[in-house]
Amino acid sequence: MHKKFKLTLRTPEDSLVSKMVESVYLTTEAGDMMLLPQHASVSASMAFSPVIIKDGERIEEYSVYNGVIFFSNNKNEMRILAQRASLKDKVDYDGLKAYLRLVQERIEKGEDLSGIHMRYLEGQKLALVEGMEVEAK
């Protein structure tokens, strides 16, 4: 049995993680998950989640916004694709607050937004508010 699996964490701008790890803990829209080597194949989405990566004694924590995860049992490989992610201690709170203000303004104006756009912006707002509350703790 494998003791590790390949993890990749990417945003549109950067590849943040690409290495073998022992476990990953995160929260999807369906609930909390801990993924270990040879996990059953799964895909899920997340609005906001702390992503805790364990490799031996080393633990890294990332804050991930608007992501999807894929775990392939056949390949023993996990991919996290996110709109935004950073190490927890390097979160740009000013940038998040500015983006939240922009989202709130667009929701309030509501001009020329389809139902899909409005639901997307409301989801963005919820993820940002939840993420900032968790990060503040």
N, C-alpha and C. Protein backbone atom coordinates (compact mmCIF):
# COMPACT_ATOMS: atom_id res chain seq x y z
N MET A 1 0.84 -1.19 0.00
CA MET A 1 0.00 0.00 0.00
C MET A 1 0.88 1.25 0.00
N HIS A 2 0.43 2.25 -0.74
CA HIS A 2 1.16 3.51 -0.81
C HIS A 2 1.07 4.27 0.50
N LYS A 3 2.14 4.95 0.86
CA LYS A 3 2.13 5.76 2.07
C LYS A 3 1.92 7.24 1.76
N LYS A 4 2.04 7.60 0.47
CA LYS A 4 1.86 9.00 0.05
C LYS A 4 1.10 9.03 -1.27
N PHE A 5 0.63 10.23 -1.61
CA PHE A 5 0.02 10.44 -2.92
C PHE A 5 0.47 11.78 -3.48
N LYS A 6 0.33 11.94 -4.78
CA LYS A 6 0.75 13.16 -5.46
C LYS A 6 -0.33 14.22 -5.30
N LEU A 7 0.05 15.41 -4.84
CA LEU A 7 -0.87 16.53 -4.68
C LEU A 7 -0.41 17.68 -5.56
N THR A 8 -1.36 18.25 -6.28
CA THR A 8 -1.11 19.46 -7.06
C THR A 8 -2.15 20.49 -6.66
N LEU A 9 -1.70 21.71 -6.32
CA LEU A 9 -2.59 22.83 -6.01
C LEU A 9 -2.23 23.95 -6.97
N ARG A 10 -3.20 24.34 -7.81
CA ARG A 10 -2.97 25.36 -8.83
C ARG A 10 -4.04 26.44 -8.80
N THR A 11 -3.61 27.65 -9.17
CA THR A 11 -4.53 28.75 -9.45
C THR A 11 -4.26 29.14 -10.91
N PRO A 12 -5.07 30.03 -11.48
CA PRO A 12 -4.77 30.46 -12.86
C PRO A 12 -3.39 31.09 -13.00
N GLU A 13 -2.87 31.66 -11.92
CA GLU A 13 -1.60 32.36 -11.98
C GLU A 13 -0.39 31.52 -11.61
N ASP A 14 -0.58 30.46 -10.82
CA ASP A 14 0.59 29.82 -10.23
C ASP A 14 0.33 28.36 -9.86
N SER A 15 1.40 27.60 -9.82
CA SER A 15 1.37 26.25 -9.25
C SER A 15 1.96 26.37 -7.86
N LEU A 16 1.12 26.20 -6.83
CA LEU A 16 1.56 26.42 -5.45
C LEU A 16 2.15 25.17 -4.81
N VAL A 17 1.61 23.99 -5.15
CA VAL A 17 2.08 22.74 -4.57
C VAL A 17 2.12 21.68 -5.66
N SER A 18 3.18 20.92 -5.68
CA SER A 18 3.29 19.76 -6.56
C SER A 18 4.30 18.82 -5.91
N LYS A 19 3.76 17.90 -5.08
CA LYS A 19 4.65 17.02 -4.34
C LYS A 19 3.90 15.83 -3.77
N MET A 20 4.62 14.90 -3.24
CA MET A 20 4.05 13.74 -2.57
C MET A 20 3.73 14.13 -1.13
N VAL A 21 2.52 13.75 -0.66
CA VAL A 21 2.08 14.08 0.70
C VAL A 21 1.41 12.87 1.34
N GLU A 22 1.26 12.92 2.66
CA GLU A 22 0.61 11.83 3.39
C GLU A 22 -0.89 12.01 3.51
N SER A 23 -1.35 13.27 3.69
CA SER A 23 -2.78 13.51 3.83
C SER A 23 -3.12 14.95 3.51
N VAL A 24 -4.39 15.17 3.18
CA VAL A 24 -4.93 16.50 2.94
C VAL A 24 -6.29 16.57 3.62
N TYR A 25 -6.48 17.62 4.41
CA TYR A 25 -7.77 17.86 5.07
C TYR A 25 -8.34 19.14 4.48
N LEU A 26 -9.62 19.13 4.10
CA LEU A 26 -10.26 20.30 3.53
C LEU A 26 -11.76 20.22 3.72
N THR A 27 -12.44 21.29 3.38
CA THR A 27 -13.89 21.34 3.48
C THR A 27 -14.48 21.60 2.10
N THR A 28 -15.33 20.69 1.65
CA THR A 28 -16.03 20.88 0.38
C THR A 28 -17.45 21.36 0.68
N GLU A 29 -18.19 21.63 -0.37
CA GLU A 29 -19.58 22.05 -0.16
C GLU A 29 -20.41 20.91 0.41
N ALA A 30 -19.90 19.66 0.32
CA ALA A 30 -20.61 18.51 0.89
C ALA A 30 -20.17 18.22 2.33
N GLY A 31 -19.10 18.88 2.79
CA GLY A 31 -18.63 18.66 4.16
C GLY A 31 -17.12 18.48 4.23
N ASP A 32 -16.63 18.18 5.43
CA ASP A 32 -15.20 18.01 5.67
C ASP A 32 -14.71 16.69 5.08
N MET A 33 -13.47 16.70 4.58
CA MET A 33 -12.87 15.49 4.02
C MET A 33 -11.41 15.40 4.43
N MET A 34 -10.97 14.19 4.72
CA MET A 34 -9.54 13.93 4.86
C MET A 34 -9.21 12.89 3.81
N LEU A 35 -8.26 13.23 2.95
CA LEU A 35 -7.87 12.32 1.89
C LEU A 35 -6.52 11.72 2.22
N LEU A 36 -6.45 10.40 2.10
CA LEU A 36 -5.25 9.63 2.36
C LEU A 36 -4.88 8.86 1.10
N PRO A 37 -3.68 8.28 1.03
CA PRO A 37 -3.31 7.50 -0.15
C PRO A 37 -4.37 6.45 -0.48
N GLN A 38 -4.59 6.26 -1.77
CA GLN A 38 -5.54 5.29 -2.31
C GLN A 38 -6.98 5.58 -1.92
N HIS A 39 -7.29 6.84 -1.65
CA HIS A 39 -8.68 7.25 -1.38
C HIS A 39 -9.53 6.87 -2.59
N ALA A 40 -10.79 6.64 -2.37
CA ALA A 40 -11.71 6.39 -3.48
C ALA A 40 -11.72 7.61 -4.40
N SER A 41 -11.89 7.39 -5.68
CA SER A 41 -11.96 8.51 -6.62
C SER A 41 -13.12 9.42 -6.25
N VAL A 42 -12.87 10.71 -6.27
CA VAL A 42 -13.88 11.68 -5.87
C VAL A 42 -13.61 13.01 -6.56
N SER A 43 -14.67 13.75 -6.79
CA SER A 43 -14.55 15.14 -7.22
C SER A 43 -15.55 15.95 -6.41
N ALA A 44 -15.18 17.19 -6.08
CA ALA A 44 -16.05 18.03 -5.25
C ALA A 44 -15.67 19.48 -5.47
N SER A 45 -16.55 20.37 -5.05
CA SER A 45 -16.27 21.80 -5.15
C SER A 45 -16.22 22.41 -3.76
N MET A 46 -15.58 23.58 -3.69
CA MET A 46 -15.51 24.29 -2.42
C MET A 46 -15.56 25.78 -2.68
N ALA A 47 -16.32 26.49 -1.84
CA ALA A 47 -16.39 27.94 -1.92
C ALA A 47 -15.18 28.54 -1.22
N PHE A 48 -14.99 28.16 0.03
CA PHE A 48 -13.81 28.54 0.81
C PHE A 48 -13.42 27.34 1.65
N SER A 49 -12.12 27.11 1.75
CA SER A 49 -11.68 26.03 2.62
C SER A 49 -10.24 26.24 3.05
N PRO A 50 -9.98 26.02 4.33
CA PRO A 50 -8.58 25.83 4.71
C PRO A 50 -8.18 24.46 4.14
N VAL A 51 -6.99 24.37 3.60
CA VAL A 51 -6.47 23.11 3.09
C VAL A 51 -5.21 22.80 3.89
N ILE A 52 -5.28 21.73 4.68
CA ILE A 52 -4.17 21.37 5.56
C ILE A 52 -3.46 20.16 4.96
N ILE A 53 -2.19 20.35 4.65
CA ILE A 53 -1.38 19.33 4.00
C ILE A 53 -0.37 18.79 4.99
N LYS A 54 -0.36 17.46 5.16
CA LYS A 54 0.58 16.85 6.09
C LYS A 54 1.55 15.96 5.31
N ASP A 55 2.81 16.15 5.62
CA ASP A 55 3.87 15.32 5.04
C ASP A 55 4.90 15.08 6.13
N GLY A 56 4.82 13.94 6.77
CA GLY A 56 5.70 13.65 7.90
C GLY A 56 5.34 14.58 9.04
N GLU A 57 6.34 15.23 9.59
CA GLU A 57 6.11 16.17 10.69
C GLU A 57 5.74 17.56 10.17
N ARG A 58 5.89 17.78 8.87
CA ARG A 58 5.63 19.10 8.29
C ARG A 58 4.15 19.26 7.95
N ILE A 59 3.57 20.38 8.38
CA ILE A 59 2.18 20.70 8.09
C ILE A 59 2.13 22.08 7.46
N GLU A 60 1.45 22.18 6.30
CA GLU A 60 1.26 23.46 5.61
C GLU A 60 -0.23 23.73 5.55
N GLU A 61 -0.62 25.00 5.73
CA GLU A 61 -2.02 25.35 5.64
C GLU A 61 -2.22 26.46 4.61
N TYR A 62 -3.11 26.18 3.67
CA TYR A 62 -3.46 27.13 2.62
C TYR A 62 -4.90 27.58 2.80
N SER A 63 -5.21 28.77 2.32
CA SER A 63 -6.59 29.25 2.24
C SER A 63 -6.95 29.21 0.76
N VAL A 64 -8.03 28.49 0.45
CA VAL A 64 -8.42 28.26 -0.94
C VAL A 64 -9.84 28.77 -1.16
N TYR A 65 -10.04 29.55 -2.22
CA TYR A 65 -11.34 30.11 -2.58
C TYR A 65 -11.75 29.59 -3.95
N ASN A 66 -13.00 29.23 -4.06
CA ASN A 66 -13.60 28.79 -5.34
C ASN A 66 -12.74 27.75 -6.03
N GLY A 67 -12.77 26.56 -5.46
CA GLY A 67 -11.96 25.49 -6.01
C GLY A 67 -12.73 24.23 -6.31
N VAL A 68 -12.09 23.37 -7.05
CA VAL A 68 -12.61 22.02 -7.27
C VAL A 68 -11.48 21.05 -6.96
N ILE A 69 -11.86 19.88 -6.46
CA ILE A 69 -10.86 18.86 -6.18
C ILE A 69 -11.18 17.62 -6.98
N PHE A 70 -10.13 16.92 -7.35
CA PHE A 70 -10.26 15.64 -8.03
C PHE A 70 -9.25 14.69 -7.40
N PHE A 71 -9.70 13.53 -6.99
CA PHE A 71 -8.78 12.50 -6.52
C PHE A 71 -8.98 11.29 -7.40
N SER A 72 -7.90 10.80 -7.99
CA SER A 72 -7.94 9.61 -8.82
C SER A 72 -7.33 8.45 -8.04
N ASN A 73 -8.16 7.44 -7.77
CA ASN A 73 -7.68 6.26 -7.08
C ASN A 73 -6.68 5.51 -7.95
N ASN A 74 -6.96 5.42 -9.25
CA ASN A 74 -6.06 4.69 -10.16
C ASN A 74 -4.67 5.30 -10.20
N LYS A 75 -4.60 6.63 -10.18
CA LYS A 75 -3.31 7.32 -10.26
C LYS A 75 -2.75 7.67 -8.88
N ASN A 76 -3.55 7.50 -7.82
CA ASN A 76 -3.15 7.90 -6.47
C ASN A 76 -2.68 9.36 -6.49
N GLU A 77 -3.57 10.21 -7.04
CA GLU A 77 -3.21 11.60 -7.31
C GLU A 77 -4.39 12.52 -7.02
N MET A 78 -4.09 13.67 -6.42
CA MET A 78 -5.12 14.67 -6.12
C MET A 78 -4.75 15.99 -6.77
N ARG A 79 -5.76 16.60 -7.36
CA ARG A 79 -5.58 17.93 -7.95
C ARG A 79 -6.59 18.87 -7.32
N ILE A 80 -6.10 20.04 -6.94
CA ILE A 80 -6.97 21.11 -6.47
C ILE A 80 -6.76 22.27 -7.42
N LEU A 81 -7.82 22.70 -8.07
CA LEU A 81 -7.79 23.84 -8.97
C LEU A 81 -8.63 24.93 -8.33
N ALA A 82 -8.04 26.09 -8.10
CA ALA A 82 -8.74 27.14 -7.37
C ALA A 82 -8.59 28.49 -8.05
N GLN A 83 -9.61 29.31 -7.88
CA GLN A 83 -9.54 30.67 -8.41
C GLN A 83 -8.49 31.47 -7.65
N ARG A 84 -8.42 31.22 -6.33
CA ARG A 84 -7.48 31.96 -5.49
C ARG A 84 -7.00 31.05 -4.37
N ALA A 85 -5.71 31.07 -4.08
CA ALA A 85 -5.15 30.28 -2.98
C ALA A 85 -3.84 30.91 -2.53
N SER A 86 -3.57 30.79 -1.24
CA SER A 86 -2.29 31.26 -0.71
C SER A 86 -2.04 30.58 0.63
N LEU A 87 -0.77 30.58 1.03
CA LEU A 87 -0.46 30.10 2.37
C LEU A 87 -1.26 30.92 3.37
N LYS A 88 -1.74 30.27 4.41
CA LYS A 88 -2.61 30.96 5.36
C LYS A 88 -1.97 32.22 5.93
N ASP A 89 -0.69 32.18 6.23
CA ASP A 89 -0.05 33.35 6.83
C ASP A 89 0.31 34.43 5.81
N LYS A 90 -0.04 34.21 4.53
CA LYS A 90 0.23 35.22 3.50
C LYS A 90 -1.04 35.68 2.80
N VAL A 91 -2.19 35.51 3.44
CA VAL A 91 -3.45 35.93 2.85
C VAL A 91 -3.47 37.45 2.73
N ASP A 92 -3.88 37.95 1.56
CA ASP A 92 -3.97 39.38 1.30
C ASP A 92 -5.36 39.87 1.72
N TYR A 93 -5.50 40.25 2.99
CA TYR A 93 -6.80 40.67 3.51
C TYR A 93 -7.30 41.94 2.84
N ASP A 94 -6.40 42.87 2.54
CA ASP A 94 -6.84 44.09 1.86
C ASP A 94 -7.40 43.77 0.49
N GLY A 95 -6.75 42.85 -0.22
CA GLY A 95 -7.25 42.43 -1.53
C GLY A 95 -8.60 41.74 -1.43
N LEU A 96 -8.77 40.89 -0.41
CA LEU A 96 -10.04 40.21 -0.22
C LEU A 96 -11.15 41.20 0.11
N LYS A 97 -10.84 42.17 0.95
CA LYS A 97 -11.84 43.18 1.32
C LYS A 97 -12.23 44.02 0.11
N ALA A 98 -11.26 44.38 -0.72
CA ALA A 98 -11.55 45.16 -1.93
C ALA A 98 -12.43 44.34 -2.88
N TYR A 99 -12.13 43.07 -3.04
CA TYR A 99 -12.93 42.21 -3.91
C TYR A 99 -14.34 42.06 -3.35
N LEU A 100 -14.47 41.92 -2.03
CA LEU A 100 -15.78 41.82 -1.39
C LEU A 100 -16.59 43.09 -1.66
N ARG A 101 -15.96 44.26 -1.54
CA ARG A 101 -16.67 45.52 -1.83
C ARG A 101 -17.16 45.55 -3.28
N LEU A 102 -16.32 45.10 -4.20
CA LEU A 102 -16.69 45.06 -5.62
C LEU A 102 -17.89 44.14 -5.83
N VAL A 103 -17.85 42.96 -5.23
CA VAL A 103 -18.95 42.00 -5.36
C VAL A 103 -20.24 42.59 -4.78
N GLN A 104 -20.16 43.21 -3.60
CA GLN A 104 -21.34 43.80 -2.98
C GLN A 104 -21.93 44.91 -3.86
N GLU A 105 -21.07 45.73 -4.45
CA GLU A 105 -21.55 46.80 -5.34
C GLU A 105 -22.29 46.22 -6.54
N ARG A 106 -21.72 45.18 -7.15
CA ARG A 106 -22.37 44.56 -8.32
C ARG A 106 -23.71 43.95 -7.94
N ILE A 107 -23.78 43.33 -6.77
CA ILE A 107 -25.04 42.72 -6.32
C ILE A 107 -26.08 43.81 -6.08
N GLU A 108 -25.67 44.90 -5.41
CA GLU A 108 -26.61 45.98 -5.11
C GLU A 108 -27.14 46.64 -6.37
N LYS A 109 -26.27 46.88 -7.35
CA LYS A 109 -26.71 47.49 -8.61
C LYS A 109 -27.56 46.51 -9.40
N GLY A 110 -27.11 45.27 -9.49
CA GLY A 110 -27.87 44.23 -10.17
C GLY A 110 -28.15 44.49 -11.63
N GLU A 111 -27.59 45.56 -12.17
CA GLU A 111 -27.83 45.93 -13.57
C GLU A 111 -27.31 44.85 -14.51
N ASP A 112 -28.03 44.61 -15.51
CA ASP A 112 -27.68 43.69 -16.60
C ASP A 112 -26.99 42.40 -16.16
N LEU A 113 -27.38 41.88 -15.01
CA LEU A 113 -26.85 40.61 -14.53
C LEU A 113 -27.91 39.54 -14.72
N SER A 114 -27.51 38.45 -15.32
CA SER A 114 -28.44 37.32 -15.45
C SER A 114 -28.56 36.63 -14.09
N GLY A 115 -29.51 35.74 -13.97
CA GLY A 115 -29.69 34.98 -12.73
C GLY A 115 -28.44 34.21 -12.37
N ILE A 116 -27.76 33.67 -13.37
CA ILE A 116 -26.53 32.90 -13.13
C ILE A 116 -25.45 33.81 -12.57
N HIS A 117 -25.30 35.01 -13.16
CA HIS A 117 -24.29 35.95 -12.67
C HIS A 117 -24.59 36.37 -11.23
N MET A 118 -25.87 36.61 -10.95
CA MET A 118 -26.25 37.04 -9.61
C MET A 118 -25.95 35.93 -8.59
N ARG A 119 -26.30 34.69 -8.92
CA ARG A 119 -26.02 33.58 -7.99
C ARG A 119 -24.51 33.41 -7.80
N TYR A 120 -23.75 33.59 -8.88
CA TYR A 120 -22.30 33.48 -8.78
C TYR A 120 -21.76 34.54 -7.82
N LEU A 121 -22.19 35.78 -7.98
CA LEU A 121 -21.72 36.87 -7.11
C LEU A 121 -22.15 36.65 -5.66
N GLU A 122 -23.36 36.16 -5.47
CA GLU A 122 -23.80 35.88 -4.10
C GLU A 122 -22.96 34.77 -3.48
N GLY A 123 -22.59 33.77 -4.27
CA GLY A 123 -21.70 32.71 -3.79
C GLY A 123 -20.32 33.25 -3.46
N GLN A 124 -19.83 34.16 -4.31
CA GLN A 124 -18.54 34.80 -4.05
C GLN A 124 -18.57 35.56 -2.73
N LYS A 125 -19.63 36.31 -2.52
CA LYS A 125 -19.77 37.10 -1.29
C LYS A 125 -19.76 36.17 -0.08
N LEU A 126 -20.55 35.12 -0.14
CA LEU A 126 -20.63 34.17 0.97
C LEU A 126 -19.26 33.55 1.26
N ALA A 127 -18.55 33.14 0.22
CA ALA A 127 -17.23 32.53 0.40
C ALA A 127 -16.24 33.52 1.00
N LEU A 128 -16.27 34.76 0.53
CA LEU A 128 -15.35 35.77 1.06
C LEU A 128 -15.63 36.08 2.52
N VAL A 129 -16.90 36.26 2.86
CA VAL A 129 -17.26 36.57 4.25
C VAL A 129 -16.86 35.40 5.15
N GLU A 130 -17.22 34.18 4.73
CA GLU A 130 -16.87 33.00 5.54
C GLU A 130 -15.35 32.87 5.68
N GLY A 131 -14.64 33.05 4.59
CA GLY A 131 -13.19 32.93 4.63
C GLY A 131 -12.54 33.95 5.55
N MET A 132 -13.00 35.18 5.49
CA MET A 132 -12.41 36.20 6.35
C MET A 132 -12.73 35.96 7.81
N GLU A 133 -13.91 35.42 8.10
CA GLU A 133 -14.25 35.10 9.49
C GLU A 133 -13.36 33.98 10.02
N VAL A 134 -13.14 32.96 9.21
CA VAL A 134 -12.29 31.84 9.63
C VAL A 134 -10.85 32.32 9.80
N GLU A 135 -10.37 33.12 8.86
CA GLU A 135 -8.99 33.59 8.91
C GLU A 135 -8.74 34.49 10.11
N ALA A 136 -9.76 35.23 10.54
CA ALA A 136 -9.61 36.15 11.66
C ALA A 136 -9.44 35.42 13.00
N LYS A 137 -9.86 34.16 13.05
CA LYS A 137 -9.79 33.40 14.31
C LYS A 137 -8.38 32.96 14.64
